[in-house]
């Protein structure tokens, strides 16, 4: 089994037009890159890794492409805080030290 794996890994998997066509077709059907690679592996169709598919999708997005929209979930957007002031990190019912009586300063 080890020799078989070693031989199989010698085959350099490069992104081809045929792979791109398969990926585009499956993405339009709502498949994830993991599902695409799994299906190709089951049917002995040569395919690059899921990471390579994601890299291709994000490169396409940088060039103005739309393939990233076919992914099931996108990158999580950070929520911007507009409007009212944020009260995070403030303690309630705390007396500020600069508002304390002057007697406290001379305490020994």
N, C-alpha and C. Protein backbone atom coordinates (compact mmCIF):
# COMPACT_ATOMS: atom_id res chain seq x y z
N UNK A 1 0.82 -1.19 0.00
CA UNK A 1 0.00 0.00 0.00
C UNK A 1 0.86 1.26 0.00
N UNK A 2 1.97 1.21 0.73
CA UNK A 2 2.86 2.37 0.79
C UNK A 2 3.45 2.66 -0.58
N UNK A 3 3.85 1.62 -1.29
CA UNK A 3 4.43 1.82 -2.63
C UNK A 3 3.38 2.40 -3.59
N UNK A 4 2.16 1.91 -3.44
CA UNK A 4 1.08 2.41 -4.31
C UNK A 4 0.83 3.89 -4.06
N UNK A 5 0.81 4.30 -2.78
CA UNK A 5 0.62 5.70 -2.44
C UNK A 5 1.77 6.55 -2.96
N UNK A 6 2.97 6.01 -2.84
CA UNK A 6 4.15 6.74 -3.29
C UNK A 6 4.08 6.98 -4.79
N UNK A 7 3.67 5.98 -5.55
CA UNK A 7 3.55 6.14 -6.99
C UNK A 7 2.44 7.13 -7.34
N UNK A 8 1.35 7.05 -6.62
CA UNK A 8 0.22 7.92 -6.90
C UNK A 8 0.59 9.39 -6.65
N UNK A 9 1.38 9.65 -5.62
CA UNK A 9 1.75 11.01 -5.29
C UNK A 9 2.79 11.59 -6.24
N UNK A 10 3.45 10.75 -7.02
CA UNK A 10 4.42 11.25 -7.99
C UNK A 10 3.74 12.04 -9.11
N UNK A 11 2.46 11.73 -9.34
CA UNK A 11 1.73 12.42 -10.39
C UNK A 11 1.46 13.85 -9.91
N UNK A 12 2.04 14.80 -10.62
CA UNK A 12 1.85 16.20 -10.23
C UNK A 12 0.46 16.64 -10.68
N UNK A 13 -0.33 17.10 -9.75
CA UNK A 13 -1.67 17.55 -10.07
C UNK A 13 -1.61 19.05 -10.33
N UNK A 14 -1.86 19.43 -11.53
CA UNK A 14 -1.86 20.85 -11.91
C UNK A 14 -3.28 21.24 -12.32
N UNK A 15 -3.59 22.49 -12.13
CA UNK A 15 -4.90 23.02 -12.49
C UNK A 15 -5.04 23.00 -14.00
N UNK A 16 -6.04 22.32 -14.50
CA UNK A 16 -6.27 22.23 -15.94
C UNK A 16 -7.63 22.83 -16.29
N UNK A 17 -7.84 23.06 -17.57
CA UNK A 17 -9.12 23.59 -18.04
C UNK A 17 -10.26 22.61 -17.73
N UNK A 18 -9.98 21.31 -17.86
CA UNK A 18 -11.00 20.30 -17.56
C UNK A 18 -11.40 20.35 -16.09
N UNK A 19 -10.42 20.51 -15.19
CA UNK A 19 -10.72 20.61 -13.76
C UNK A 19 -11.53 21.87 -13.48
N UNK A 20 -11.14 22.96 -14.14
CA UNK A 20 -11.86 24.22 -13.95
C UNK A 20 -13.32 24.08 -14.38
N UNK A 21 -13.56 23.40 -15.50
CA UNK A 21 -14.93 23.20 -15.98
C UNK A 21 -15.75 22.38 -14.98
N UNK A 22 -15.13 21.33 -14.42
CA UNK A 22 -15.82 20.49 -13.43
C UNK A 22 -16.15 21.32 -12.19
N UNK A 23 -15.18 22.11 -11.72
CA UNK A 23 -15.37 22.92 -10.52
C UNK A 23 -16.49 23.94 -10.76
N UNK A 24 -16.47 24.61 -11.90
CA UNK A 24 -17.50 25.61 -12.20
C UNK A 24 -18.89 24.97 -12.24
N UNK A 25 -18.97 23.81 -12.89
CA UNK A 25 -20.26 23.12 -13.01
C UNK A 25 -20.81 22.75 -11.64
N UNK A 26 -19.95 22.17 -10.79
CA UNK A 26 -20.39 21.72 -9.47
C UNK A 26 -20.70 22.89 -8.53
N UNK A 27 -19.93 23.98 -8.65
CA UNK A 27 -20.22 25.15 -7.81
C UNK A 27 -21.59 25.72 -8.14
N UNK A 28 -21.94 25.72 -9.43
CA UNK A 28 -23.25 26.23 -9.83
C UNK A 28 -24.38 25.35 -9.29
N UNK A 29 -24.08 24.08 -9.06
CA UNK A 29 -25.08 23.17 -8.50
C UNK A 29 -25.16 23.28 -6.97
N UNK A 30 -24.29 24.12 -6.38
CA UNK A 30 -24.34 24.33 -4.94
C UNK A 30 -23.42 23.42 -4.15
N UNK A 31 -22.46 22.79 -4.81
CA UNK A 31 -21.52 21.90 -4.14
C UNK A 31 -20.41 22.71 -3.49
N UNK A 32 -19.87 22.18 -2.40
CA UNK A 32 -18.71 22.79 -1.76
C UNK A 32 -17.45 22.21 -2.40
N UNK A 33 -16.30 22.89 -2.29
CA UNK A 33 -15.06 22.34 -2.81
C UNK A 33 -14.73 20.96 -2.22
N UNK A 34 -15.08 20.74 -0.96
CA UNK A 34 -14.83 19.43 -0.33
C UNK A 34 -15.65 18.34 -1.02
N UNK A 35 -16.89 18.66 -1.34
CA UNK A 35 -17.75 17.69 -2.03
C UNK A 35 -17.23 17.41 -3.44
N UNK A 36 -16.76 18.45 -4.11
CA UNK A 36 -16.23 18.28 -5.47
C UNK A 36 -15.04 17.34 -5.47
N UNK A 37 -14.10 17.58 -4.57
CA UNK A 37 -12.90 16.74 -4.50
C UNK A 37 -13.28 15.32 -4.10
N UNK A 38 -14.19 15.16 -3.15
CA UNK A 38 -14.61 13.83 -2.72
C UNK A 38 -15.26 13.04 -3.86
N UNK A 39 -16.13 13.68 -4.61
CA UNK A 39 -16.80 13.03 -5.73
C UNK A 39 -15.80 12.62 -6.82
N UNK A 40 -14.86 13.50 -7.11
CA UNK A 40 -13.84 13.19 -8.13
C UNK A 40 -12.96 12.03 -7.66
N UNK A 41 -12.67 12.00 -6.37
CA UNK A 41 -11.85 10.91 -5.83
C UNK A 41 -12.60 9.58 -5.95
N UNK A 42 -13.90 9.58 -5.66
CA UNK A 42 -14.70 8.36 -5.76
C UNK A 42 -14.81 7.85 -7.20
N UNK A 43 -14.84 8.78 -8.15
CA UNK A 43 -14.99 8.41 -9.56
C UNK A 43 -13.66 8.35 -10.30
N UNK A 44 -12.55 8.45 -9.56
CA UNK A 44 -11.19 8.42 -10.13
C UNK A 44 -10.97 9.47 -11.21
N UNK A 45 -11.53 10.64 -10.99
CA UNK A 45 -11.32 11.79 -11.89
C UNK A 45 -10.19 12.61 -11.28
N UNK A 46 -9.15 12.95 -12.06
CA UNK A 46 -8.06 13.76 -11.49
C UNK A 46 -8.56 15.13 -11.05
N UNK A 47 -8.18 15.51 -9.83
CA UNK A 47 -8.64 16.78 -9.28
C UNK A 47 -7.60 17.29 -8.30
N UNK A 48 -7.47 18.60 -8.24
CA UNK A 48 -6.56 19.23 -7.27
C UNK A 48 -7.20 19.20 -5.89
N UNK A 49 -6.49 19.71 -4.90
CA UNK A 49 -7.00 19.68 -3.52
C UNK A 49 -8.05 20.77 -3.30
N UNK A 50 -8.76 20.66 -2.18
CA UNK A 50 -9.76 21.67 -1.84
C UNK A 50 -9.09 23.03 -1.65
N UNK A 51 -7.90 23.02 -1.08
CA UNK A 51 -7.18 24.28 -0.86
C UNK A 51 -6.89 24.97 -2.19
N UNK A 52 -6.53 24.19 -3.21
CA UNK A 52 -6.26 24.77 -4.53
C UNK A 52 -7.53 25.37 -5.14
N UNK A 53 -8.66 24.71 -4.91
CA UNK A 53 -9.92 25.23 -5.42
C UNK A 53 -10.26 26.56 -4.74
N UNK A 54 -10.08 26.60 -3.40
CA UNK A 54 -10.35 27.85 -2.69
C UNK A 54 -9.40 28.96 -3.17
N UNK A 55 -8.13 28.63 -3.38
CA UNK A 55 -7.17 29.63 -3.88
C UNK A 55 -7.62 30.17 -5.23
N UNK A 56 -8.09 29.28 -6.12
CA UNK A 56 -8.56 29.69 -7.44
C UNK A 56 -9.76 30.63 -7.30
N UNK A 57 -10.69 30.29 -6.39
CA UNK A 57 -11.88 31.11 -6.19
C UNK A 57 -11.51 32.51 -5.70
N UNK A 58 -10.59 32.59 -4.72
CA UNK A 58 -10.23 33.90 -4.17
C UNK A 58 -9.39 34.72 -5.14
N UNK A 59 -8.57 34.07 -5.96
CA UNK A 59 -7.84 34.80 -7.01
C UNK A 59 -8.83 35.37 -8.02
N UNK A 60 -9.84 34.57 -8.35
CA UNK A 60 -10.87 35.02 -9.28
C UNK A 60 -11.60 36.23 -8.71
N UNK A 61 -11.86 36.22 -7.40
CA UNK A 61 -12.54 37.35 -6.76
C UNK A 61 -11.69 38.61 -6.85
N UNK A 62 -10.38 38.48 -6.63
CA UNK A 62 -9.48 39.63 -6.72
C UNK A 62 -9.50 40.25 -8.11
N UNK A 63 -9.70 39.42 -9.12
CA UNK A 63 -9.74 39.90 -10.50
C UNK A 63 -11.13 40.43 -10.88
N UNK A 64 -12.06 40.41 -9.94
CA UNK A 64 -13.40 40.91 -10.20
C UNK A 64 -14.39 39.82 -10.57
N UNK A 65 -14.01 38.57 -10.38
CA UNK A 65 -14.88 37.44 -10.71
C UNK A 65 -16.01 37.26 -9.71
N UNK A 66 -16.91 36.36 -10.05
CA UNK A 66 -18.10 36.14 -9.23
C UNK A 66 -18.18 34.74 -8.62
N UNK A 67 -17.17 33.90 -8.78
CA UNK A 67 -17.28 32.50 -8.33
C UNK A 67 -17.35 32.37 -6.82
N UNK A 68 -16.85 33.34 -6.09
CA UNK A 68 -16.91 33.26 -4.62
C UNK A 68 -18.36 33.30 -4.13
N UNK A 69 -19.26 33.85 -4.92
CA UNK A 69 -20.67 33.94 -4.51
C UNK A 69 -21.34 32.57 -4.51
N UNK A 70 -20.74 31.59 -5.19
CA UNK A 70 -21.32 30.25 -5.24
C UNK A 70 -20.94 29.41 -4.03
N UNK A 71 -20.01 29.90 -3.20
CA UNK A 71 -19.66 29.16 -1.99
C UNK A 71 -20.83 29.21 -1.02
N UNK A 72 -20.97 28.17 -0.22
CA UNK A 72 -22.10 28.10 0.70
C UNK A 72 -22.05 29.20 1.75
N UNK A 73 -20.88 29.46 2.28
CA UNK A 73 -20.73 30.54 3.25
C UNK A 73 -19.56 31.40 2.82
N UNK A 74 -19.71 32.69 2.96
CA UNK A 74 -18.63 33.60 2.63
C UNK A 74 -17.81 33.90 3.86
N UNK A 75 -16.92 34.84 3.75
CA UNK A 75 -16.17 35.26 4.92
C UNK A 75 -17.09 36.03 5.86
N UNK A 76 -16.90 35.82 7.14
CA UNK A 76 -17.74 36.49 8.12
C UNK A 76 -17.41 37.99 8.11
N UNK A 77 -18.44 38.79 7.98
CA UNK A 77 -18.26 40.24 7.97
C UNK A 77 -18.19 40.75 9.40
N UNK A 78 -17.30 41.68 9.64
CA UNK A 78 -17.25 42.29 10.96
C UNK A 78 -18.35 43.33 11.06
N UNK A 79 -19.06 43.32 12.18
CA UNK A 79 -20.15 44.27 12.37
C UNK A 79 -19.57 45.61 12.80
N UNK A 80 -19.92 46.64 12.07
CA UNK A 80 -19.44 47.98 12.41
C UNK A 80 -20.37 48.59 13.43
N UNK A 81 -19.83 49.33 14.35
CA UNK A 81 -20.62 49.92 15.42
C UNK A 81 -20.80 51.41 15.11
N UNK A 82 -21.97 51.76 14.66
CA UNK A 82 -22.29 53.15 14.36
C UNK A 82 -23.25 53.67 15.42
N UNK A 83 -23.34 54.97 15.50
CA UNK A 83 -24.38 55.55 16.35
C UNK A 83 -23.97 55.66 17.80
N UNK A 84 -24.76 55.03 18.68
CA UNK A 84 -24.58 55.23 20.11
C UNK A 84 -23.21 54.75 20.59
N UNK A 85 -22.77 55.40 21.67
CA UNK A 85 -21.45 55.10 22.22
C UNK A 85 -21.45 53.71 22.84
N UNK A 86 -20.35 53.08 22.69
CA UNK A 86 -20.19 51.71 23.18
C UNK A 86 -19.83 51.73 24.67
N UNK A 87 -20.50 50.93 25.48
CA UNK A 87 -20.25 50.88 26.92
C UNK A 87 -19.42 49.67 27.33
N UNK A 88 -18.80 49.02 26.35
CA UNK A 88 -18.00 47.84 26.72
C UNK A 88 -16.79 48.25 27.54
N UNK A 89 -16.44 47.47 28.52
CA UNK A 89 -15.25 47.71 29.32
C UNK A 89 -15.45 48.67 30.48
N UNK A 90 -16.64 49.22 30.64
CA UNK A 90 -16.90 50.14 31.74
C UNK A 90 -17.55 49.39 32.90
N UNK A 91 -17.11 49.70 34.09
CA UNK A 91 -17.69 49.08 35.28
C UNK A 91 -18.81 49.95 35.82
N UNK A 92 -19.88 49.31 36.29
CA UNK A 92 -21.02 50.06 36.82
C UNK A 92 -20.80 50.38 38.29
N UNK A 93 -21.36 51.50 38.71
CA UNK A 93 -21.36 51.91 40.12
C UNK A 93 -19.96 51.96 40.73
N UNK A 94 -19.03 52.50 40.01
CA UNK A 94 -17.66 52.63 40.51
C UNK A 94 -17.37 54.12 40.70
N UNK A 95 -16.81 54.46 41.87
CA UNK A 95 -16.42 55.84 42.13
C UNK A 95 -15.05 56.08 41.55
N UNK A 96 -14.95 57.12 40.74
CA UNK A 96 -13.64 57.45 40.17
C UNK A 96 -12.76 58.04 41.26
N UNK A 97 -11.49 57.73 41.20
CA UNK A 97 -10.58 58.14 42.26
C UNK A 97 -10.39 59.66 42.30
N UNK A 98 -10.49 60.31 41.16
CA UNK A 98 -10.30 61.76 41.15
C UNK A 98 -11.52 62.49 41.73
N UNK A 99 -12.63 61.78 41.94
CA UNK A 99 -13.81 62.39 42.54
C UNK A 99 -13.92 62.09 44.04
N UNK A 100 -12.98 61.34 44.60
CA UNK A 100 -13.01 61.02 46.03
C UNK A 100 -12.66 62.25 46.86
N UNK A 101 -12.95 62.20 48.14
CA UNK A 101 -12.66 63.30 49.05
C UNK A 101 -11.15 63.48 49.20
N UNK A 102 -10.75 64.67 49.55
CA UNK A 102 -9.34 65.00 49.74
C UNK A 102 -8.75 64.24 50.94
N UNK A 103 -9.57 63.83 51.91
CA UNK A 103 -9.10 63.11 53.09
C UNK A 103 -8.43 61.82 52.70
N UNK A 104 -8.90 61.22 51.60
CA UNK A 104 -8.36 59.95 51.16
C UNK A 104 -6.90 60.09 50.75
N UNK A 105 -6.53 61.26 50.23
CA UNK A 105 -5.16 61.49 49.77
C UNK A 105 -4.18 61.44 50.95
N UNK A 106 -4.58 61.92 52.14
CA UNK A 106 -3.70 62.00 53.29
C UNK A 106 -3.75 60.75 54.15
N UNK A 107 -4.47 59.78 53.73
CA UNK A 107 -4.64 58.56 54.54
C UNK A 107 -3.33 57.78 54.57
N UNK A 108 -2.95 57.31 55.76
CA UNK A 108 -1.72 56.55 55.90
C UNK A 108 -1.97 55.18 56.41
